[in-house]
Amino acid sequence: MPTPNAGLIGAVLVISLALVASSCNGSGSKSRSAPMSSAATTAVAPTTSTTGGYVTLAVAAPSEAPICQQAVTSQNPADLIGAFRAARLQGSGAEGCLTAQALQRYGDVSCTQSDLARSPGPIVLYRCGTLRVIAIPDSTIEAERADNRSIQLEVVLQGSDRQPHRLVEHLHIARGVPVGASEPAEQVIVSVDNM
């Protein structure tokens, strides 16, 4: 038998869910420079990781991400990381998301497949020998809880042997001059590490 307040409770529940959904999808926030995919409606969402120091950074799907030259003008790290990932998967343009100093950390030219057996391994922008970057999974893109401009992600390389090789990168975002630009940008990847 329904309680006399069942309708009121249901209405409050629907309104509460709508408010939570609204706050999660960024309603009321500043506009983004690129649309976010339905799979990436929030800028930062908690992970189930036990490390406690990182949260998932939801970024636009590669087909919907801005280019690096647009993303560096944004104040949202998700825009920059989305553009950086899309360019890496495409095989060009990622340099525009980096400072010259950060770009020097990538060893594509000297990287060989045997380098992948080293610890911590190489830092690869597009390719290592005959292997190329084929994925940077959404589930591996995380921002430090205390500093959403410190990012970690996993890069998946694969070659003709179809064997995936995974490398972890740590990136830091700050104001800086992107490769190919002469003026500082709002945000750019200024350092890269794999430790």
Protein backbone atom coordinates (compact mmCIF):
# COMPACT_ATOMS: atom_id res chain seq x y z
CA MET A 1 0.00 0.00 0.00
CA PRO A 2 1.56 3.36 -1.03
CA THR A 3 2.34 5.90 1.66
CA PRO A 4 0.63 9.30 1.51
CA ASN A 5 3.98 10.99 0.81
CA ALA A 6 5.12 8.58 -1.95
CA GLY A 7 4.47 11.14 -4.70
CA LEU A 8 6.38 13.85 -2.85
CA ILE A 9 9.30 11.51 -2.14
CA GLY A 10 9.41 10.48 -5.81
CA ALA A 11 9.40 14.12 -6.95
CA VAL A 12 12.22 15.00 -4.54
CA LEU A 13 14.22 12.00 -5.79
CA VAL A 14 13.78 13.00 -9.45
CA ILE A 15 14.80 16.61 -8.72
CA SER A 16 17.83 15.44 -6.72
CA LEU A 17 18.97 13.15 -9.52
CA ALA A 18 18.52 15.95 -12.05
CA LEU A 19 20.64 18.31 -9.93
CA VAL A 20 23.39 15.70 -9.54
CA ALA A 21 23.37 14.98 -13.28
CA SER A 22 23.43 18.70 -14.04
CA SER A 23 26.46 19.28 -11.82
CA CYS A 24 28.26 16.28 -13.31
CA ASN A 25 27.85 17.32 -16.94
CA GLY A 26 29.20 20.79 -16.40
CA SER A 27 25.96 22.83 -16.54
CA GLY A 28 26.69 26.34 -15.43
CA SER A 29 30.41 26.07 -16.12
CA LYS A 30 32.34 28.03 -18.69
CA SER A 31 32.06 26.82 -22.26
CA ARG A 32 34.56 24.31 -23.61
CA SER A 33 36.58 24.80 -26.74
CA ALA A 34 35.45 21.40 -28.06
CA PRO A 35 32.40 19.25 -27.49
CA MET A 36 32.80 16.36 -25.11
CA SER A 37 31.66 12.88 -26.15
CA SER A 38 28.82 11.24 -24.28
CA ALA A 39 31.42 8.96 -22.72
CA ALA A 40 33.27 11.98 -21.36
CA THR A 41 30.71 14.32 -19.87
CA THR A 42 32.61 15.32 -16.75
CA ALA A 43 36.00 16.91 -16.41
CA VAL A 44 37.04 14.90 -13.36
CA ALA A 45 35.41 11.80 -11.87
CA PRO A 46 36.60 9.60 -8.99
CA THR A 47 38.38 6.34 -9.77
CA THR A 48 38.24 3.09 -7.91
CA SER A 49 42.03 3.19 -7.61
CA THR A 50 43.43 2.44 -4.18
CA THR A 51 46.25 4.94 -4.69
CA GLY A 52 43.86 7.66 -3.56
CA GLY A 53 45.99 10.38 -5.11
CA TYR A 54 44.49 10.34 -8.61
CA VAL A 55 41.07 10.76 -10.20
CA THR A 56 40.04 9.93 -13.75
CA LEU A 57 40.31 12.88 -16.14
CA ALA A 58 37.57 12.49 -18.72
CA VAL A 59 38.64 13.82 -22.10
CA ALA A 60 36.90 14.18 -25.46
CA ALA A 61 36.96 11.26 -27.84
CA PRO A 62 39.82 11.63 -30.36
CA SER A 63 37.36 12.46 -33.15
CA GLU A 64 35.84 15.28 -31.06
CA ALA A 65 38.99 16.69 -29.44
CA PRO A 66 40.32 20.13 -30.34
CA ILE A 67 43.70 20.46 -32.03
CA CYS A 68 46.66 21.41 -29.86
CA GLN A 69 46.72 25.02 -31.09
CA GLN A 70 43.16 25.45 -29.77
CA ALA A 71 43.61 23.42 -26.58
CA VAL A 72 46.56 25.49 -25.33
CA THR A 73 44.27 28.53 -25.14
CA SER A 74 41.81 26.74 -22.84
CA GLN A 75 42.03 26.65 -19.05
CA ASN A 76 40.75 23.06 -18.89
CA PRO A 77 43.47 20.38 -18.68
CA ALA A 78 41.02 17.86 -20.19
CA ASP A 79 41.00 19.87 -23.43
CA LEU A 80 44.80 19.79 -23.66
CA ILE A 81 45.13 16.09 -22.84
CA GLY A 82 42.30 15.24 -25.27
CA ALA A 83 44.05 17.15 -28.06
CA PHE A 84 47.41 15.61 -27.16
CA ARG A 85 45.98 12.09 -27.26
CA ALA A 86 44.14 12.66 -30.56
CA ALA A 87 47.29 14.02 -32.25
CA ARG A 88 49.42 11.12 -31.00
CA LEU A 89 46.93 8.57 -32.29
CA GLN A 90 46.82 10.40 -35.64
CA GLY A 91 50.61 10.41 -35.79
CA SER A 92 51.20 14.18 -36.04
CA GLY A 93 50.48 17.51 -34.38
CA ALA A 94 51.15 16.58 -30.75
CA GLU A 95 54.22 18.84 -30.66
CA GLY A 96 51.87 21.85 -30.47
CA CYS A 97 50.73 20.67 -27.02
CA LEU A 98 54.32 20.62 -25.68
CA THR A 99 57.08 23.06 -24.84
CA ALA A 100 60.40 22.47 -26.62
CA GLN A 101 61.88 21.19 -23.35
CA ALA A 102 59.06 18.64 -22.91
CA LEU A 103 59.35 17.54 -26.55
CA GLN A 104 63.05 16.72 -26.01
CA ARG A 105 62.03 14.00 -23.52
CA TYR A 106 60.42 11.93 -26.29
CA GLY A 107 62.84 9.48 -27.87
CA ASP A 108 61.06 8.36 -31.03
CA VAL A 109 64.13 8.83 -33.25
CA SER A 110 66.46 6.70 -31.14
CA CYS A 111 63.93 4.23 -29.71
CA THR A 112 64.23 0.55 -30.63
CA GLN A 113 61.96 -2.32 -29.72
CA SER A 114 64.60 -3.64 -27.30
CA ASP A 115 64.27 -0.37 -25.33
CA LEU A 116 60.80 -1.54 -24.29
CA ALA A 117 62.38 -4.22 -22.08
CA ARG A 118 64.21 -1.59 -20.01
CA SER A 119 62.82 -0.21 -16.80
CA PRO A 120 61.34 2.36 -16.81
CA GLY A 121 61.44 2.15 -20.61
CA PRO A 122 61.39 4.84 -23.29
CA ILE A 123 59.10 7.86 -23.57
CA VAL A 124 57.46 7.67 -26.99
CA LEU A 125 55.40 10.35 -28.74
CA TYR A 126 54.29 8.44 -31.87
CA ARG A 127 56.45 5.36 -32.40
CA CYS A 128 59.30 3.18 -31.20
CA GLY A 129 61.03 1.38 -34.05
CA THR A 130 58.28 -0.43 -35.97
CA LEU A 131 55.76 -0.04 -33.14
CA ARG A 132 53.32 2.86 -33.13
CA VAL A 133 50.99 4.40 -30.54
CA ILE A 134 47.62 2.73 -31.03
CA ALA A 135 45.80 3.72 -27.83
CA ILE A 136 45.78 5.90 -24.75
CA PRO A 137 42.81 4.36 -22.93
CA ASP A 138 40.31 6.66 -21.20
CA SER A 139 40.54 4.55 -18.04
CA THR A 140 44.27 5.31 -17.70
CA ILE A 141 44.11 9.11 -18.00
CA GLU A 142 44.23 10.44 -14.46
CA ALA A 143 44.88 13.77 -12.74
CA GLU A 144 46.38 14.20 -9.30
CA ARG A 145 43.57 14.86 -6.86
CA ALA A 146 45.46 17.81 -5.34
CA ASP A 147 46.69 19.23 -8.68
CA ASN A 148 44.63 18.55 -11.82
CA ARG A 149 47.56 19.80 -13.92
CA SER A 150 49.66 16.76 -12.98
CA ILE A 151 48.55 13.92 -15.24
CA GLN A 152 49.44 10.25 -15.60
CA LEU A 153 48.38 8.05 -18.49
CA GLU A 154 49.19 4.79 -20.23
CA VAL A 155 50.38 4.65 -23.83
CA VAL A 156 49.82 1.42 -25.77
CA LEU A 157 52.21 0.62 -28.64
CA GLN A 158 51.75 -2.18 -31.14
CA GLY A 159 53.45 -3.44 -34.26
CA SER A 160 53.02 -6.19 -36.81
CA ASP A 161 53.49 -8.82 -34.08
CA ARG A 162 50.14 -7.61 -32.61
CA GLN A 163 51.73 -7.72 -29.12
CA PRO A 164 50.72 -4.60 -27.13
CA HIS A 165 53.40 -2.79 -25.13
CA ARG A 166 52.28 -0.45 -22.35
CA LEU A 167 54.23 2.57 -21.16
CA VAL A 168 53.27 4.95 -18.34
CA GLU A 169 53.84 8.70 -18.64
CA HIS A 170 53.61 11.53 -16.13
CA LEU A 171 52.89 14.98 -17.56
CA HIS A 172 52.77 18.42 -15.95
CA ILE A 173 50.74 21.27 -17.41
CA ALA A 174 51.54 24.96 -16.87
CA ARG A 175 51.70 28.23 -18.77
CA GLY A 176 54.43 28.08 -21.41
CA VAL A 177 55.42 28.50 -25.03
CA PRO A 178 54.25 25.63 -27.25
CA VAL A 179 56.49 24.25 -29.99
CA GLY A 180 55.96 26.39 -33.11
CA ALA A 181 54.66 29.42 -31.18
CA SER A 182 56.43 32.59 -30.11
CA GLU A 183 54.12 33.65 -27.26
CA PRO A 184 53.22 31.85 -24.04
CA ALA A 185 49.94 29.93 -23.98
CA GLU A 186 47.49 29.49 -21.13
CA GLN A 187 48.37 25.81 -20.77
CA VAL A 188 50.94 23.51 -22.32
CA ILE A 189 52.69 20.30 -21.29
CA VAL A 190 55.93 21.56 -19.75
CA SER A 191 57.43 18.32 -18.42
CA VAL A 192 57.25 14.61 -19.19
CA ASP A 193 58.55 11.70 -17.14
CA ASN A 194 58.05 7.97 -16.86
CA MET A 195 59.14 7.37 -13.28
